[in-house]
Amino acid sequence: MTGVLFVCHGNICRSPMAEFLFKDLVARRGLAERFHIESAATTTDEIGNAPHAGTCAILAREGVSCEGKRARQITRDDYERFDVIIGMDDANMRSMQRAFGGDPAGKLHKMMEFAGSERDVADPWYTGDFEATFRDVSDGCEGLLSWLGY
């Protein structure tokens, strides 16, 4: 089983969108039993909160539920528990490096690298543009699945 952890600042916009889109993607391809997928935050800002209404609306439009999701913060143990840990932007990458004490196993990746780009995933917390985030996350999830060999 491959463990995938998506990470953003608060775990209410980008990373839960990625978590649930990736879960849906692997389920539609009959691969759900091969993956353990979660998302988490680099900060404590939103701990315990449900995903942002904009994220929930985009997911609902796609027929994907994020019911029951509550924001949590990454822990040092996450580095051992997951095979691939994906940050949404450069700040997330720096925060994960600090939290995990580096990346000796090469598990940390930036989401858009799977879509052939070095840029950040658009952050709807600041832009309000959940559609741009959805496009970025969708492209990243498709690329990730391909990168993993599926």
N, C-alpha and C. Protein backbone atom coordinates (compact mmCIF):
# COMPACT_ATOMS: atom_id res chain seq x y z
N MET A 1 0.85 -1.18 0.00
CA MET A 1 0.00 0.00 0.00
C MET A 1 0.89 1.24 0.00
N THR A 2 0.55 2.20 -0.84
CA THR A 2 1.30 3.45 -0.95
C THR A 2 0.61 4.54 -0.13
N GLY A 3 1.33 5.13 0.80
CA GLY A 3 0.79 6.21 1.61
C GLY A 3 1.11 7.55 0.98
N VAL A 4 0.06 8.36 0.76
CA VAL A 4 0.20 9.68 0.16
C VAL A 4 -0.39 10.71 1.11
N LEU A 5 0.40 11.72 1.45
CA LEU A 5 -0.05 12.80 2.32
C LEU A 5 0.06 14.12 1.57
N PHE A 6 -1.06 14.83 1.45
CA PHE A 6 -1.09 16.16 0.84
C PHE A 6 -1.05 17.20 1.95
N VAL A 7 -0.25 18.25 1.77
CA VAL A 7 -0.04 19.23 2.84
C VAL A 7 -0.18 20.66 2.31
N CYS A 8 -0.90 21.48 3.06
CA CYS A 8 -0.95 22.92 2.79
C CYS A 8 -0.91 23.67 4.12
N HIS A 9 -1.08 24.96 4.09
CA HIS A 9 -0.95 25.79 5.29
C HIS A 9 -1.95 25.40 6.37
N GLY A 10 -3.25 25.39 6.04
CA GLY A 10 -4.28 25.20 7.06
C GLY A 10 -5.06 23.90 6.98
N ASN A 11 -4.92 23.16 5.87
CA ASN A 11 -5.63 21.90 5.66
C ASN A 11 -7.13 22.10 5.56
N ILE A 12 -7.54 23.22 4.95
CA ILE A 12 -8.97 23.42 4.70
C ILE A 12 -9.29 23.74 3.24
N CYS A 13 -8.29 24.09 2.43
CA CYS A 13 -8.55 24.43 1.03
C CYS A 13 -7.86 23.46 0.07
N ARG A 14 -6.58 23.66 -0.15
CA ARG A 14 -5.86 22.93 -1.19
C ARG A 14 -5.61 21.47 -0.86
N SER A 15 -5.08 21.18 0.33
CA SER A 15 -4.72 19.79 0.61
C SER A 15 -5.93 18.87 0.75
N PRO A 16 -7.05 19.31 1.37
CA PRO A 16 -8.21 18.40 1.38
C PRO A 16 -8.80 18.24 -0.03
N MET A 17 -8.71 19.28 -0.85
CA MET A 17 -9.17 19.14 -2.23
C MET A 17 -8.35 18.06 -2.92
N ALA A 18 -7.04 18.09 -2.73
CA ALA A 18 -6.17 17.09 -3.33
C ALA A 18 -6.45 15.70 -2.74
N GLU A 19 -6.61 15.63 -1.43
CA GLU A 19 -6.88 14.34 -0.78
C GLU A 19 -8.10 13.66 -1.38
N PHE A 20 -9.20 14.39 -1.46
CA PHE A 20 -10.44 13.77 -1.90
C PHE A 20 -10.52 13.60 -3.41
N LEU A 21 -9.90 14.47 -4.18
CA LEU A 21 -9.83 14.24 -5.63
C LEU A 21 -8.97 13.03 -5.94
N PHE A 22 -7.84 12.88 -5.22
CA PHE A 22 -6.97 11.73 -5.47
C PHE A 22 -7.65 10.44 -5.04
N LYS A 23 -8.35 10.46 -3.91
CA LYS A 23 -9.12 9.29 -3.48
C LYS A 23 -10.13 8.89 -4.54
N ASP A 24 -10.83 9.88 -5.10
CA ASP A 24 -11.82 9.62 -6.14
C ASP A 24 -11.16 9.07 -7.40
N LEU A 25 -10.04 9.67 -7.77
CA LEU A 25 -9.31 9.24 -8.97
C LEU A 25 -8.88 7.78 -8.86
N VAL A 26 -8.28 7.40 -7.75
CA VAL A 26 -7.82 6.02 -7.61
C VAL A 26 -9.00 5.06 -7.50
N ALA A 27 -10.09 5.48 -6.85
CA ALA A 27 -11.27 4.63 -6.74
C ALA A 27 -11.88 4.37 -8.12
N ARG A 28 -11.99 5.41 -8.94
CA ARG A 28 -12.56 5.25 -10.29
C ARG A 28 -11.71 4.32 -11.16
N ARG A 29 -10.44 4.19 -10.85
CA ARG A 29 -9.55 3.31 -11.62
C ARG A 29 -9.37 1.94 -10.95
N GLY A 30 -10.15 1.70 -9.89
CA GLY A 30 -10.09 0.42 -9.21
C GLY A 30 -8.82 0.20 -8.41
N LEU A 31 -8.21 1.28 -7.96
CA LEU A 31 -6.93 1.20 -7.26
C LEU A 31 -7.01 1.59 -5.78
N ALA A 32 -8.19 1.82 -5.26
CA ALA A 32 -8.35 2.36 -3.90
C ALA A 32 -7.63 1.51 -2.86
N GLU A 33 -7.66 0.20 -3.01
CA GLU A 33 -7.05 -0.67 -2.00
C GLU A 33 -5.53 -0.60 -2.01
N ARG A 34 -4.96 0.05 -3.01
CA ARG A 34 -3.50 0.17 -3.09
C ARG A 34 -2.95 1.43 -2.42
N PHE A 35 -3.86 2.28 -1.93
CA PHE A 35 -3.45 3.57 -1.39
C PHE A 35 -4.03 3.86 -0.01
N HIS A 36 -3.26 4.58 0.78
CA HIS A 36 -3.73 5.23 2.00
C HIS A 36 -3.47 6.72 1.78
N ILE A 37 -4.52 7.53 1.78
CA ILE A 37 -4.43 8.93 1.39
C ILE A 37 -5.01 9.82 2.49
N GLU A 38 -4.23 10.83 2.87
CA GLU A 38 -4.68 11.80 3.88
C GLU A 38 -4.19 13.19 3.47
N SER A 39 -4.59 14.18 4.28
CA SER A 39 -4.06 15.53 4.12
C SER A 39 -3.86 16.14 5.50
N ALA A 40 -3.00 17.15 5.55
CA ALA A 40 -2.67 17.79 6.83
C ALA A 40 -2.18 19.22 6.60
N ALA A 41 -2.03 19.94 7.69
CA ALA A 41 -1.59 21.34 7.66
C ALA A 41 -0.17 21.47 8.19
N THR A 42 0.48 22.55 7.80
CA THR A 42 1.79 22.86 8.39
C THR A 42 1.63 23.69 9.66
N THR A 43 0.46 24.27 9.87
CA THR A 43 0.22 25.15 11.02
C THR A 43 -0.95 24.66 11.86
N THR A 44 -1.17 25.32 12.98
CA THR A 44 -2.31 25.01 13.85
C THR A 44 -3.51 25.92 13.58
N ASP A 45 -3.41 26.79 12.60
CA ASP A 45 -4.43 27.82 12.37
C ASP A 45 -5.86 27.29 12.29
N GLU A 46 -6.06 26.15 11.63
CA GLU A 46 -7.41 25.67 11.34
C GLU A 46 -7.71 24.30 11.96
N ILE A 47 -6.87 23.84 12.87
CA ILE A 47 -7.02 22.49 13.44
C ILE A 47 -8.45 22.26 13.92
N GLY A 48 -9.02 21.14 13.49
CA GLY A 48 -10.37 20.77 13.88
C GLY A 48 -11.46 21.31 12.99
N ASN A 49 -11.13 22.24 12.10
CA ASN A 49 -12.14 22.83 11.22
C ASN A 49 -12.39 21.95 10.00
N ALA A 50 -13.60 22.04 9.49
CA ALA A 50 -13.98 21.34 8.25
C ALA A 50 -13.35 22.07 7.06
N PRO A 51 -13.28 21.40 5.91
CA PRO A 51 -12.77 22.08 4.71
C PRO A 51 -13.58 23.35 4.40
N HIS A 52 -12.93 24.29 3.75
CA HIS A 52 -13.54 25.56 3.35
C HIS A 52 -14.76 25.27 2.46
N ALA A 53 -15.78 26.12 2.57
CA ALA A 53 -17.00 25.95 1.77
C ALA A 53 -16.69 25.92 0.28
N GLY A 54 -15.71 26.70 -0.16
CA GLY A 54 -15.34 26.70 -1.59
C GLY A 54 -14.78 25.37 -2.04
N THR A 55 -13.98 24.74 -1.20
CA THR A 55 -13.44 23.42 -1.50
C THR A 55 -14.57 22.40 -1.53
N CYS A 56 -15.45 22.45 -0.55
CA CYS A 56 -16.58 21.52 -0.49
C CYS A 56 -17.48 21.66 -1.71
N ALA A 57 -17.70 22.90 -2.16
CA ALA A 57 -18.56 23.14 -3.33
C ALA A 57 -17.95 22.55 -4.60
N ILE A 58 -16.67 22.76 -4.80
CA ILE A 58 -15.99 22.19 -5.98
C ILE A 58 -16.05 20.67 -5.94
N LEU A 59 -15.75 20.08 -4.78
CA LEU A 59 -15.78 18.63 -4.66
C LEU A 59 -17.19 18.10 -4.90
N ALA A 60 -18.20 18.75 -4.32
CA ALA A 60 -19.59 18.32 -4.50
C ALA A 60 -19.98 18.37 -5.98
N ARG A 61 -19.57 19.42 -6.67
CA ARG A 61 -19.85 19.53 -8.10
C ARG A 61 -19.28 18.33 -8.87
N GLU A 62 -18.15 17.83 -8.40
CA GLU A 62 -17.49 16.69 -9.04
C GLU A 62 -18.02 15.35 -8.53
N GLY A 63 -19.01 15.41 -7.62
CA GLY A 63 -19.58 14.19 -7.06
C GLY A 63 -18.71 13.55 -5.99
N VAL A 64 -17.88 14.37 -5.35
CA VAL A 64 -16.93 13.87 -4.35
C VAL A 64 -17.28 14.48 -2.99
N SER A 65 -17.38 13.65 -1.97
CA SER A 65 -17.69 14.12 -0.63
C SER A 65 -16.40 14.26 0.20
N CYS A 66 -16.38 15.28 1.03
CA CYS A 66 -15.29 15.43 2.00
C CYS A 66 -15.88 15.41 3.41
N GLU A 67 -17.05 14.83 3.54
CA GLU A 67 -17.76 14.75 4.81
C GLU A 67 -16.89 14.10 5.87
N GLY A 68 -16.86 14.71 7.05
CA GLY A 68 -16.13 14.16 8.18
C GLY A 68 -14.68 14.62 8.28
N LYS A 69 -14.17 15.28 7.24
CA LYS A 69 -12.78 15.74 7.26
C LYS A 69 -12.63 16.89 8.26
N ARG A 70 -11.60 16.82 9.06
CA ARG A 70 -11.24 17.90 9.97
C ARG A 70 -9.75 18.16 9.83
N ALA A 71 -9.38 19.42 9.85
CA ALA A 71 -7.98 19.80 9.68
C ALA A 71 -7.14 19.25 10.81
N ARG A 72 -5.94 18.79 10.44
CA ARG A 72 -4.96 18.34 11.42
C ARG A 72 -3.59 18.85 10.99
N GLN A 73 -2.68 18.89 11.93
CA GLN A 73 -1.32 19.35 11.64
C GLN A 73 -0.41 18.14 11.41
N ILE A 74 0.57 18.33 10.53
CA ILE A 74 1.56 17.27 10.32
C ILE A 74 2.31 16.99 11.62
N THR A 75 2.78 15.76 11.73
CA THR A 75 3.60 15.36 12.87
C THR A 75 4.89 14.74 12.34
N ARG A 76 5.86 14.66 13.18
CA ARG A 76 7.13 14.03 12.79
C ARG A 76 6.90 12.59 12.34
N ASP A 77 5.95 11.90 12.96
CA ASP A 77 5.63 10.52 12.61
C ASP A 77 5.09 10.37 11.18
N ASP A 78 4.49 11.43 10.66
CA ASP A 78 3.97 11.37 9.29
C ASP A 78 5.07 11.03 8.29
N TYR A 79 6.27 11.46 8.57
CA TYR A 79 7.36 11.19 7.64
C TYR A 79 7.59 9.68 7.51
N GLU A 80 7.44 8.95 8.59
CA GLU A 80 7.61 7.50 8.56
C GLU A 80 6.37 6.80 8.01
N ARG A 81 5.21 7.36 8.26
CA ARG A 81 3.93 6.72 7.88
C ARG A 81 3.61 6.81 6.40
N PHE A 82 4.13 7.83 5.72
CA PHE A 82 3.75 8.05 4.31
C PHE A 82 4.95 7.88 3.38
N ASP A 83 4.66 7.42 2.18
CA ASP A 83 5.69 7.19 1.16
C ASP A 83 5.98 8.44 0.34
N VAL A 84 4.93 9.22 0.10
CA VAL A 84 5.03 10.44 -0.70
C VAL A 84 4.30 11.54 0.07
N ILE A 85 4.98 12.67 0.28
CA ILE A 85 4.39 13.79 1.02
C ILE A 85 4.48 15.01 0.12
N ILE A 86 3.31 15.59 -0.18
CA ILE A 86 3.22 16.59 -1.23
C ILE A 86 2.77 17.93 -0.69
N GLY A 87 3.62 18.93 -0.82
CA GLY A 87 3.30 20.30 -0.42
C GLY A 87 2.71 21.07 -1.59
N MET A 88 1.91 22.06 -1.27
CA MET A 88 1.23 22.84 -2.30
C MET A 88 2.03 24.07 -2.75
N ASP A 89 2.98 24.53 -1.92
CA ASP A 89 3.75 25.71 -2.31
C ASP A 89 5.13 25.67 -1.63
N ASP A 90 5.95 26.65 -1.98
CA ASP A 90 7.31 26.70 -1.44
C ASP A 90 7.32 26.85 0.08
N ALA A 91 6.40 27.62 0.63
CA ALA A 91 6.33 27.79 2.08
C ALA A 91 6.02 26.45 2.76
N ASN A 92 5.10 25.68 2.18
CA ASN A 92 4.79 24.35 2.72
C ASN A 92 6.02 23.46 2.69
N MET A 93 6.78 23.54 1.62
CA MET A 93 7.97 22.70 1.48
C MET A 93 8.99 23.04 2.57
N ARG A 94 9.20 24.33 2.83
CA ARG A 94 10.13 24.75 3.89
C ARG A 94 9.62 24.30 5.26
N SER A 95 8.33 24.45 5.50
CA SER A 95 7.75 24.04 6.79
C SER A 95 7.87 22.54 7.00
N MET A 96 7.67 21.77 5.94
CA MET A 96 7.79 20.31 6.07
C MET A 96 9.23 19.91 6.34
N GLN A 97 10.16 20.55 5.67
CA GLN A 97 11.58 20.26 5.91
C GLN A 97 11.91 20.47 7.40
N ARG A 98 11.42 21.57 7.96
CA ARG A 98 11.66 21.86 9.39
C ARG A 98 10.97 20.83 10.27
N ALA A 99 9.70 20.56 10.00
CA ALA A 99 8.93 19.64 10.85
C ALA A 99 9.48 18.23 10.83
N PHE A 100 9.96 17.80 9.68
CA PHE A 100 10.46 16.43 9.54
C PHE A 100 11.96 16.31 9.76
N GLY A 101 12.63 17.42 9.99
CA GLY A 101 14.07 17.37 10.20
C GLY A 101 14.82 17.02 8.92
N GLY A 102 14.32 17.53 7.80
CA GLY A 102 14.93 17.24 6.50
C GLY A 102 14.10 16.25 5.71
N ASP A 103 14.72 15.70 4.68
CA ASP A 103 14.05 14.74 3.80
C ASP A 103 15.03 13.67 3.35
N PRO A 104 15.56 12.88 4.30
CA PRO A 104 16.60 11.91 3.95
C PRO A 104 16.15 10.84 2.95
N ALA A 105 14.86 10.51 2.93
CA ALA A 105 14.37 9.46 2.03
C ALA A 105 13.82 10.00 0.72
N GLY A 106 13.86 11.33 0.52
CA GLY A 106 13.36 11.91 -0.72
C GLY A 106 11.86 11.77 -0.92
N LYS A 107 11.11 11.91 0.16
CA LYS A 107 9.65 11.74 0.10
C LYS A 107 8.90 13.03 -0.22
N LEU A 108 9.55 14.19 -0.02
CA LEU A 108 8.86 15.47 -0.16
C LEU A 108 8.87 15.94 -1.61
N HIS A 109 7.68 16.32 -2.07
CA HIS A 109 7.52 16.81 -3.44
C HIS A 109 6.55 17.97 -3.44
N LYS A 110 6.72 18.84 -4.40
CA LYS A 110 5.79 19.96 -4.60
C LYS A 110 4.74 19.52 -5.63
N MET A 111 3.49 19.75 -5.35
CA MET A 111 2.38 19.25 -6.15
C MET A 111 2.53 19.51 -7.65
N MET A 112 2.87 20.73 -8.02
CA MET A 112 2.87 21.06 -9.45
C MET A 112 4.02 20.41 -10.21
N GLU A 113 5.00 19.83 -9.51
CA GLU A 113 6.05 19.10 -10.22
C GLU A 113 5.44 17.93 -10.98
N PHE A 114 4.35 17.37 -10.47
CA PHE A 114 3.68 16.25 -11.14
C PHE A 114 2.89 16.72 -12.36
N ALA A 115 2.73 18.02 -12.51
CA ALA A 115 2.07 18.61 -13.68
C ALA A 115 3.09 19.32 -14.57
N GLY A 116 4.38 19.05 -14.33
CA GLY A 116 5.43 19.61 -15.17
C GLY A 116 5.73 21.07 -14.93
N SER A 117 5.48 21.55 -13.71
CA SER A 117 5.70 22.96 -13.39
C SER A 117 6.39 23.10 -12.04
N GLU A 118 7.09 24.20 -11.85
CA GLU A 118 7.71 24.48 -10.55
C GLU A 118 6.89 25.47 -9.72
N ARG A 119 5.79 25.95 -10.27
CA ARG A 119 5.01 26.97 -9.56
C ARG A 119 4.18 26.37 -8.44
N ASP A 120 3.64 27.26 -7.61
CA ASP A 120 2.78 26.87 -6.49
C ASP A 120 1.38 26.54 -6.99
N VAL A 121 0.65 25.71 -6.23
CA VAL A 121 -0.78 25.53 -6.47
C VAL A 121 -1.45 26.83 -6.07
N ALA A 122 -2.33 27.33 -6.91
CA ALA A 122 -3.05 28.56 -6.61
C ALA A 122 -3.75 28.44 -5.25
N ASP A 123 -3.59 29.44 -4.39
CA ASP A 123 -4.16 29.40 -3.05
C ASP A 123 -5.45 30.20 -3.00
N PRO A 124 -6.61 29.51 -2.93
CA PRO A 124 -7.89 30.22 -2.95
C PRO A 124 -8.18 31.00 -1.67
N TRP A 125 -7.43 30.74 -0.61
CA TRP A 125 -7.62 31.52 0.63
C TRP A 125 -7.37 33.00 0.34
N TYR A 126 -6.39 33.25 -0.54
CA TYR A 126 -6.03 34.62 -0.88
C TYR A 126 -6.71 35.12 -2.16
N THR A 127 -6.89 34.21 -3.12
CA THR A 127 -7.43 34.63 -4.41
C THR A 127 -8.94 34.51 -4.50
N GLY A 128 -9.53 33.59 -3.73
CA GLY A 128 -10.96 33.31 -3.85
C GLY A 128 -11.29 32.49 -5.08
N ASP A 129 -10.28 32.13 -5.85
CA ASP A 129 -10.48 31.42 -7.12
C ASP A 129 -10.30 29.91 -6.93
N PHE A 130 -11.35 29.26 -6.49
CA PHE A 130 -11.29 27.82 -6.26
C PHE A 130 -11.21 27.04 -7.57
N GLU A 131 -11.66 27.64 -8.66
CA GLU A 131 -11.56 26.98 -9.97
C GLU A 131 -10.10 26.81 -10.39
N ALA A 132 -9.29 27.85 -10.20
CA ALA A 132 -7.87 27.75 -10.54
C ALA A 132 -7.20 26.69 -9.68
N THR A 133 -7.55 26.64 -8.41
CA THR A 133 -7.00 25.63 -7.51
C THR A 133 -7.42 24.24 -7.97
N PHE A 134 -8.68 24.09 -8.34
CA PHE A 134 -9.18 22.80 -8.82
C PHE A 134 -8.39 22.34 -10.06
N ARG A 135 -8.14 23.24 -10.98
CA ARG A 135 -7.37 22.87 -12.18
C ARG A 135 -5.97 22.42 -11.81
N ASP A 136 -5.32 23.18 -10.93
CA ASP A 136 -3.96 22.81 -10.49
C ASP A 136 -3.95 21.45 -9.79
N VAL A 137 -4.86 21.27 -8.86
CA VAL A 137 -4.91 20.04 -8.08
C VAL A 137 -5.25 18.85 -8.98
N SER A 138 -6.19 19.04 -9.89
CA SER A 138 -6.54 17.96 -10.82
C SER A 138 -5.35 17.55 -11.66
N ASP A 139 -4.66 18.53 -12.22
CA ASP A 139 -3.47 18.24 -13.04
C ASP A 139 -2.40 17.54 -12.20
N GLY A 140 -2.20 18.02 -10.98
CA GLY A 140 -1.20 17.42 -10.11
C GLY A 140 -1.55 15.98 -9.73
N CYS A 141 -2.82 15.73 -9.44
CA CYS A 141 -3.25 14.38 -9.07
C CYS A 141 -3.08 13.40 -10.23
N GLU A 142 -3.47 13.82 -11.41
CA GLU A 142 -3.29 12.96 -12.60
C GLU A 142 -1.82 12.65 -12.80
N GLY A 143 -0.98 13.68 -12.70
CA GLY A 143 0.45 13.50 -12.87
C GLY A 143 1.06 12.62 -11.80
N LEU A 144 0.59 12.77 -10.57
CA LEU A 144 1.07 11.94 -9.47
C LEU A 144 0.76 10.47 -9.71
N LEU A 145 -0.46 10.19 -10.13
CA LEU A 145 -0.83 8.80 -10.38
C LEU A 145 0.05 8.19 -11.48
N SER A 146 0.31 8.97 -12.49
CA SER A 146 1.21 8.51 -13.56
C SER A 146 2.62 8.30 -13.03
N TRP A 147 3.12 9.24 -12.23
CA TRP A 147 4.45 9.17 -11.65
C TRP A 147 4.61 7.91 -10.79
N LEU A 148 3.50 7.53 -10.12
CA LEU A 148 3.50 6.34 -9.29
C LEU A 148 3.37 5.05 -10.11
N GLY A 149 3.22 5.21 -11.41
CA GLY A 149 3.20 4.04 -12.30
C GLY A 149 1.84 3.48 -12.62
N TYR A 150 0.79 4.30 -12.44
CA TYR A 150 -0.57 3.81 -12.73
C TYR A 150 -1.17 4.56 -13.90
